[in-house]
Amino acid sequence: MEEDRMGMRTQSETIEIMKDEKGLVGISIGGGHPFCPCVYVVQIFDKSPAEVDGSYYYWAADIMYESSPQTRRARTGRWIRAGDEVVAVNGITVKGERKSAVAQLIQCSTNPVKVSLS
């Protein structure tokens, strides 16, 4: 992951989240059409799959790397953060979509759910 001087992500990252037994990934999203052109992560629920599990991929110089959840948490505290922009779900671009459409896309996804963040 590359960051600018303010700590903001400058590249998109793709994470894989396994749903829990209730079919939830453990994030709350906000924004979306018509209020905002982007959908973003509002909250990561404690002990949810988004906080404690999954695989994490990031791109640098057109090469995909994978890091472990333990390494991620040591570096960033969490591997998905409130304020992250949701760029795509399972490869489907969600910019300009309604929040409800993005939530439905996540809910209808099979495991693992691939979420691209910026």
N, C-alpha and C. Protein backbone atom coordinates (compact mmCIF):
# COMPACT_ATOMS: atom_id res chain seq x y z
N MET A 1 0.85 -1.17 0.00
CA MET A 1 0.00 0.00 0.00
C MET A 1 0.89 1.23 0.00
N GLU A 2 0.56 2.17 -0.82
CA GLU A 2 1.27 3.44 -0.83
C GLU A 2 0.40 4.48 -0.15
N GLU A 3 1.05 5.37 0.58
CA GLU A 3 0.32 6.43 1.26
C GLU A 3 0.97 7.76 0.93
N ASP A 4 0.16 8.82 0.92
CA ASP A 4 0.73 10.14 0.73
C ASP A 4 1.19 10.67 2.09
N ARG A 5 1.62 11.92 2.14
CA ARG A 5 2.14 12.47 3.39
C ARG A 5 1.11 12.57 4.49
N MET A 6 -0.18 12.55 4.15
CA MET A 6 -1.22 12.65 5.16
C MET A 6 -1.71 11.27 5.60
N GLY A 7 -1.09 10.20 5.08
CA GLY A 7 -1.49 8.85 5.46
C GLY A 7 -2.66 8.32 4.66
N MET A 8 -3.05 9.01 3.59
CA MET A 8 -4.17 8.57 2.75
C MET A 8 -3.67 7.56 1.73
N ARG A 9 -4.49 6.54 1.45
CA ARG A 9 -4.12 5.56 0.44
C ARG A 9 -4.09 6.22 -0.93
N THR A 10 -3.10 5.86 -1.72
CA THR A 10 -3.00 6.40 -3.07
C THR A 10 -3.19 5.31 -4.11
N GLN A 11 -3.28 4.06 -3.71
CA GLN A 11 -3.55 2.95 -4.61
C GLN A 11 -4.71 2.16 -4.04
N SER A 12 -5.43 1.48 -4.93
CA SER A 12 -6.50 0.63 -4.42
C SER A 12 -5.91 -0.69 -3.96
N GLU A 13 -6.59 -1.30 -3.01
CA GLU A 13 -6.19 -2.58 -2.44
C GLU A 13 -7.40 -3.50 -2.50
N THR A 14 -7.18 -4.78 -2.68
CA THR A 14 -8.28 -5.73 -2.67
C THR A 14 -8.11 -6.65 -1.48
N ILE A 15 -9.18 -6.76 -0.71
CA ILE A 15 -9.19 -7.66 0.44
C ILE A 15 -10.25 -8.72 0.22
N GLU A 16 -10.06 -9.88 0.83
CA GLU A 16 -11.06 -10.94 0.79
C GLU A 16 -11.59 -11.12 2.20
N ILE A 17 -12.90 -11.10 2.33
CA ILE A 17 -13.55 -11.24 3.63
C ILE A 17 -14.48 -12.44 3.57
N MET A 18 -14.33 -13.36 4.50
CA MET A 18 -15.24 -14.50 4.63
C MET A 18 -16.43 -14.06 5.48
N LYS A 19 -17.62 -14.31 4.99
CA LYS A 19 -18.82 -13.97 5.75
C LYS A 19 -18.94 -14.86 6.99
N ASP A 20 -19.59 -14.33 8.03
CA ASP A 20 -19.83 -15.13 9.23
C ASP A 20 -21.04 -16.03 9.02
N GLU A 21 -21.43 -16.74 10.07
CA GLU A 21 -22.55 -17.69 9.97
C GLU A 21 -23.88 -17.01 9.65
N LYS A 22 -23.97 -15.71 9.88
CA LYS A 22 -25.18 -14.96 9.55
C LYS A 22 -25.12 -14.36 8.15
N GLY A 23 -24.00 -14.58 7.45
CA GLY A 23 -23.84 -14.04 6.11
C GLY A 23 -23.37 -12.59 6.09
N LEU A 24 -22.78 -12.13 7.19
CA LEU A 24 -22.34 -10.74 7.30
C LEU A 24 -20.82 -10.65 7.26
N VAL A 25 -20.31 -9.52 6.73
CA VAL A 25 -18.87 -9.31 6.71
C VAL A 25 -18.41 -8.40 7.84
N GLY A 26 -19.32 -7.63 8.41
CA GLY A 26 -18.98 -6.82 9.58
C GLY A 26 -18.57 -5.39 9.29
N ILE A 27 -19.09 -4.82 8.19
CA ILE A 27 -18.83 -3.40 7.94
C ILE A 27 -20.15 -2.67 7.73
N SER A 28 -20.12 -1.39 8.00
CA SER A 28 -21.23 -0.50 7.70
C SER A 28 -20.72 0.46 6.64
N ILE A 29 -21.55 0.72 5.61
CA ILE A 29 -21.12 1.62 4.53
C ILE A 29 -22.01 2.85 4.47
N GLY A 30 -21.48 3.91 3.88
CA GLY A 30 -22.23 5.16 3.74
C GLY A 30 -21.93 5.81 2.41
N GLY A 31 -22.55 6.95 2.18
CA GLY A 31 -22.35 7.69 0.94
C GLY A 31 -23.16 7.11 -0.19
N GLY A 32 -22.62 7.18 -1.37
CA GLY A 32 -23.30 6.66 -2.55
C GLY A 32 -24.28 7.66 -3.14
N HIS A 33 -24.70 7.36 -4.34
CA HIS A 33 -25.65 8.19 -5.08
C HIS A 33 -26.95 8.33 -4.29
N PRO A 34 -27.58 9.43 -4.19
CA PRO A 34 -27.32 10.73 -4.81
C PRO A 34 -26.51 11.68 -3.94
N PHE A 35 -26.07 11.23 -2.77
CA PHE A 35 -25.41 12.11 -1.81
C PHE A 35 -23.93 12.31 -2.08
N CYS A 36 -23.29 11.29 -2.57
CA CYS A 36 -21.84 11.30 -2.73
C CYS A 36 -21.49 10.38 -3.90
N PRO A 37 -20.49 10.71 -4.70
CA PRO A 37 -20.16 9.83 -5.82
C PRO A 37 -19.49 8.53 -5.40
N CYS A 38 -19.06 8.45 -4.14
CA CYS A 38 -18.38 7.24 -3.69
C CYS A 38 -19.10 6.62 -2.50
N VAL A 39 -18.86 5.32 -2.33
CA VAL A 39 -19.35 4.59 -1.17
C VAL A 39 -18.14 4.36 -0.27
N TYR A 40 -18.30 4.55 1.01
CA TYR A 40 -17.16 4.43 1.91
C TYR A 40 -17.53 3.61 3.14
N VAL A 41 -16.49 3.10 3.82
CA VAL A 41 -16.66 2.33 5.04
C VAL A 41 -16.90 3.30 6.18
N VAL A 42 -18.01 3.11 6.89
CA VAL A 42 -18.34 3.96 8.03
C VAL A 42 -17.84 3.33 9.33
N GLN A 43 -18.01 2.01 9.46
CA GLN A 43 -17.68 1.34 10.71
C GLN A 43 -17.26 -0.09 10.44
N ILE A 44 -16.32 -0.59 11.24
CA ILE A 44 -15.92 -2.00 11.24
C ILE A 44 -16.35 -2.53 12.60
N PHE A 45 -17.18 -3.55 12.59
CA PHE A 45 -17.71 -4.07 13.85
C PHE A 45 -16.69 -4.97 14.54
N ASP A 46 -16.60 -4.82 15.87
CA ASP A 46 -15.67 -5.62 16.67
C ASP A 46 -15.91 -7.11 16.49
N LYS A 47 -14.82 -7.85 16.40
CA LYS A 47 -14.84 -9.31 16.31
C LYS A 47 -15.57 -9.81 15.07
N SER A 48 -15.72 -8.96 14.07
CA SER A 48 -16.38 -9.35 12.82
C SER A 48 -15.33 -9.89 11.86
N PRO A 49 -15.77 -10.58 10.80
CA PRO A 49 -14.80 -11.05 9.80
C PRO A 49 -13.94 -9.92 9.23
N ALA A 50 -14.51 -8.74 9.06
CA ALA A 50 -13.74 -7.62 8.52
C ALA A 50 -12.62 -7.19 9.45
N GLU A 51 -12.79 -7.43 10.75
CA GLU A 51 -11.75 -7.04 11.70
C GLU A 51 -10.71 -8.13 11.91
N VAL A 52 -11.12 -9.39 11.94
CA VAL A 52 -10.21 -10.43 12.41
C VAL A 52 -9.80 -11.49 11.40
N ASP A 53 -10.38 -11.51 10.21
CA ASP A 53 -10.10 -12.62 9.31
C ASP A 53 -9.89 -12.12 7.89
N GLY A 54 -9.56 -13.04 7.02
CA GLY A 54 -9.49 -12.73 5.59
C GLY A 54 -8.08 -12.65 5.05
N SER A 55 -8.00 -12.52 3.78
CA SER A 55 -6.73 -12.34 3.08
C SER A 55 -6.68 -10.93 2.55
N TYR A 56 -5.49 -10.43 2.39
CA TYR A 56 -5.30 -9.05 1.98
C TYR A 56 -4.30 -9.01 0.84
N TYR A 57 -4.68 -8.35 -0.22
CA TYR A 57 -3.81 -8.20 -1.37
C TYR A 57 -3.59 -6.72 -1.63
N TYR A 58 -2.41 -6.37 -2.07
CA TYR A 58 -2.17 -5.00 -2.48
C TYR A 58 -1.28 -5.00 -3.71
N TRP A 59 -1.37 -3.94 -4.46
CA TRP A 59 -0.63 -3.82 -5.71
C TRP A 59 0.45 -2.76 -5.56
N ALA A 60 1.61 -3.06 -6.08
CA ALA A 60 2.70 -2.09 -6.15
C ALA A 60 3.48 -2.38 -7.43
N ALA A 61 3.63 -1.38 -8.25
CA ALA A 61 4.35 -1.52 -9.52
C ALA A 61 3.80 -2.69 -10.33
N ASP A 62 2.48 -2.80 -10.40
CA ASP A 62 1.79 -3.84 -11.17
C ASP A 62 2.09 -5.26 -10.71
N ILE A 63 2.53 -5.43 -9.47
CA ILE A 63 2.76 -6.75 -8.89
C ILE A 63 1.83 -6.90 -7.70
N MET A 64 1.13 -8.05 -7.61
CA MET A 64 0.23 -8.28 -6.49
C MET A 64 0.98 -8.97 -5.37
N TYR A 65 0.82 -8.46 -4.16
CA TYR A 65 1.43 -9.03 -2.97
C TYR A 65 0.32 -9.44 -2.01
N GLU A 66 0.61 -10.40 -1.14
CA GLU A 66 -0.33 -10.81 -0.10
C GLU A 66 0.37 -10.67 1.24
N SER A 67 -0.35 -10.19 2.23
CA SER A 67 0.20 -10.13 3.58
C SER A 67 -0.78 -10.79 4.53
N SER A 68 -0.26 -11.21 5.66
CA SER A 68 -1.11 -11.90 6.63
C SER A 68 -1.90 -10.90 7.46
N PRO A 69 -3.04 -11.33 8.03
CA PRO A 69 -3.79 -10.42 8.90
C PRO A 69 -2.96 -9.92 10.08
N GLN A 70 -2.08 -10.77 10.61
CA GLN A 70 -1.26 -10.37 11.76
C GLN A 70 -0.30 -9.24 11.37
N THR A 71 0.33 -9.36 10.21
CA THR A 71 1.23 -8.32 9.74
C THR A 71 0.48 -7.02 9.50
N ARG A 72 -0.69 -7.14 8.90
CA ARG A 72 -1.52 -5.97 8.63
C ARG A 72 -1.87 -5.22 9.90
N ARG A 73 -2.36 -5.97 10.88
CA ARG A 73 -2.78 -5.32 12.12
C ARG A 73 -1.61 -4.67 12.83
N ALA A 74 -0.43 -5.30 12.76
CA ALA A 74 0.75 -4.71 13.39
C ALA A 74 1.10 -3.38 12.72
N ARG A 75 0.89 -3.30 11.41
CA ARG A 75 1.26 -2.11 10.66
C ARG A 75 0.19 -1.02 10.73
N THR A 76 -1.08 -1.39 10.63
CA THR A 76 -2.14 -0.39 10.49
C THR A 76 -3.17 -0.40 11.60
N GLY A 77 -3.13 -1.36 12.48
CA GLY A 77 -4.16 -1.47 13.51
C GLY A 77 -5.34 -2.27 13.03
N ARG A 78 -5.78 -2.05 11.81
CA ARG A 78 -6.85 -2.80 11.17
C ARG A 78 -6.53 -2.88 9.69
N TRP A 79 -7.03 -3.89 9.04
CA TRP A 79 -6.72 -4.02 7.62
C TRP A 79 -7.76 -3.38 6.75
N ILE A 80 -8.86 -2.95 7.32
CA ILE A 80 -9.86 -2.14 6.63
C ILE A 80 -10.21 -1.04 7.63
N ARG A 81 -10.29 0.18 7.16
CA ARG A 81 -10.47 1.30 8.09
C ARG A 81 -11.70 2.12 7.74
N ALA A 82 -12.30 2.71 8.76
CA ALA A 82 -13.39 3.66 8.53
C ALA A 82 -12.84 4.78 7.66
N GLY A 83 -13.61 5.17 6.67
CA GLY A 83 -13.17 6.20 5.75
C GLY A 83 -12.64 5.66 4.44
N ASP A 84 -12.31 4.36 4.39
CA ASP A 84 -11.86 3.76 3.13
C ASP A 84 -12.97 3.84 2.09
N GLU A 85 -12.61 4.19 0.87
CA GLU A 85 -13.58 4.19 -0.23
C GLU A 85 -13.71 2.78 -0.79
N VAL A 86 -14.94 2.31 -0.97
CA VAL A 86 -15.19 1.02 -1.60
C VAL A 86 -15.21 1.28 -3.11
N VAL A 87 -14.22 0.74 -3.81
CA VAL A 87 -14.07 0.97 -5.25
C VAL A 87 -14.80 -0.09 -6.05
N ALA A 88 -14.72 -1.35 -5.59
CA ALA A 88 -15.35 -2.46 -6.31
C ALA A 88 -15.67 -3.59 -5.35
N VAL A 89 -16.65 -4.40 -5.73
CA VAL A 89 -17.01 -5.61 -5.00
C VAL A 89 -16.98 -6.75 -6.01
N ASN A 90 -16.14 -7.73 -5.74
CA ASN A 90 -15.97 -8.87 -6.65
C ASN A 90 -15.68 -8.42 -8.08
N GLY A 91 -14.89 -7.37 -8.20
CA GLY A 91 -14.49 -6.88 -9.52
C GLY A 91 -15.49 -5.97 -10.20
N ILE A 92 -16.63 -5.73 -9.57
CA ILE A 92 -17.66 -4.85 -10.13
C ILE A 92 -17.48 -3.45 -9.55
N THR A 93 -17.21 -2.48 -10.39
CA THR A 93 -17.01 -1.10 -9.95
C THR A 93 -18.31 -0.55 -9.36
N VAL A 94 -18.19 0.11 -8.19
CA VAL A 94 -19.38 0.60 -7.50
C VAL A 94 -19.43 2.13 -7.39
N LYS A 95 -18.47 2.81 -7.98
CA LYS A 95 -18.48 4.28 -7.93
C LYS A 95 -19.75 4.81 -8.59
N GLY A 96 -20.44 5.71 -7.91
CA GLY A 96 -21.67 6.29 -8.43
C GLY A 96 -22.92 5.47 -8.14
N GLU A 97 -22.76 4.32 -7.50
CA GLU A 97 -23.91 3.47 -7.18
C GLU A 97 -24.54 3.91 -5.86
N ARG A 98 -25.77 3.49 -5.65
CA ARG A 98 -26.45 3.73 -4.38
C ARG A 98 -25.87 2.81 -3.31
N LYS A 99 -25.86 3.30 -2.07
CA LYS A 99 -25.36 2.52 -0.94
C LYS A 99 -26.11 1.20 -0.84
N SER A 100 -27.42 1.22 -1.05
CA SER A 100 -28.23 0.00 -0.93
C SER A 100 -27.85 -1.03 -2.00
N ALA A 101 -27.48 -0.56 -3.20
CA ALA A 101 -27.07 -1.49 -4.27
C ALA A 101 -25.74 -2.15 -3.93
N VAL A 102 -24.83 -1.39 -3.33
CA VAL A 102 -23.53 -1.94 -2.93
C VAL A 102 -23.71 -2.93 -1.79
N ALA A 103 -24.56 -2.59 -0.82
CA ALA A 103 -24.84 -3.51 0.28
C ALA A 103 -25.45 -4.81 -0.23
N GLN A 104 -26.36 -4.71 -1.18
CA GLN A 104 -26.98 -5.90 -1.75
C GLN A 104 -25.95 -6.74 -2.51
N LEU A 105 -25.04 -6.10 -3.20
CA LEU A 105 -23.99 -6.81 -3.92
C LEU A 105 -23.12 -7.60 -2.94
N ILE A 106 -22.79 -7.00 -1.81
CA ILE A 106 -22.01 -7.70 -0.79
C ILE A 106 -22.82 -8.85 -0.20
N GLN A 107 -24.08 -8.60 0.13
CA GLN A 107 -24.93 -9.62 0.74
C GLN A 107 -25.16 -10.81 -0.18
N CYS A 108 -25.27 -10.57 -1.48
CA CYS A 108 -25.54 -11.65 -2.43
C CYS A 108 -24.27 -12.39 -2.86
N SER A 109 -23.12 -11.90 -2.45
CA SER A 109 -21.85 -12.52 -2.84
C SER A 109 -21.63 -13.83 -2.10
N THR A 110 -20.94 -14.74 -2.77
CA THR A 110 -20.51 -15.97 -2.11
C THR A 110 -19.14 -15.72 -1.49
N ASN A 111 -18.74 -16.59 -0.58
CA ASN A 111 -17.43 -16.46 0.07
C ASN A 111 -16.32 -16.83 -0.88
N PRO A 112 -15.21 -16.14 -0.78
CA PRO A 112 -14.98 -14.90 -0.04
C PRO A 112 -15.46 -13.70 -0.84
N VAL A 113 -15.81 -12.64 -0.14
CA VAL A 113 -16.22 -11.39 -0.78
C VAL A 113 -14.94 -10.59 -1.03
N LYS A 114 -14.71 -10.21 -2.28
CA LYS A 114 -13.52 -9.42 -2.63
C LYS A 114 -13.92 -7.95 -2.70
N VAL A 115 -13.33 -7.15 -1.83
CA VAL A 115 -13.65 -5.73 -1.74
C VAL A 115 -12.39 -4.94 -2.07
N SER A 116 -12.49 -4.09 -3.08
CA SER A 116 -11.37 -3.21 -3.44
C SER A 116 -11.57 -1.86 -2.77
N LEU A 117 -10.53 -1.39 -2.11
CA LEU A 117 -10.59 -0.16 -1.31
C LEU A 117 -9.57 0.85 -1.81
N SER A 118 -9.88 2.11 -1.59
CA SER A 118 -8.93 3.16 -1.94
C SER A 118 -8.87 4.15 -0.80
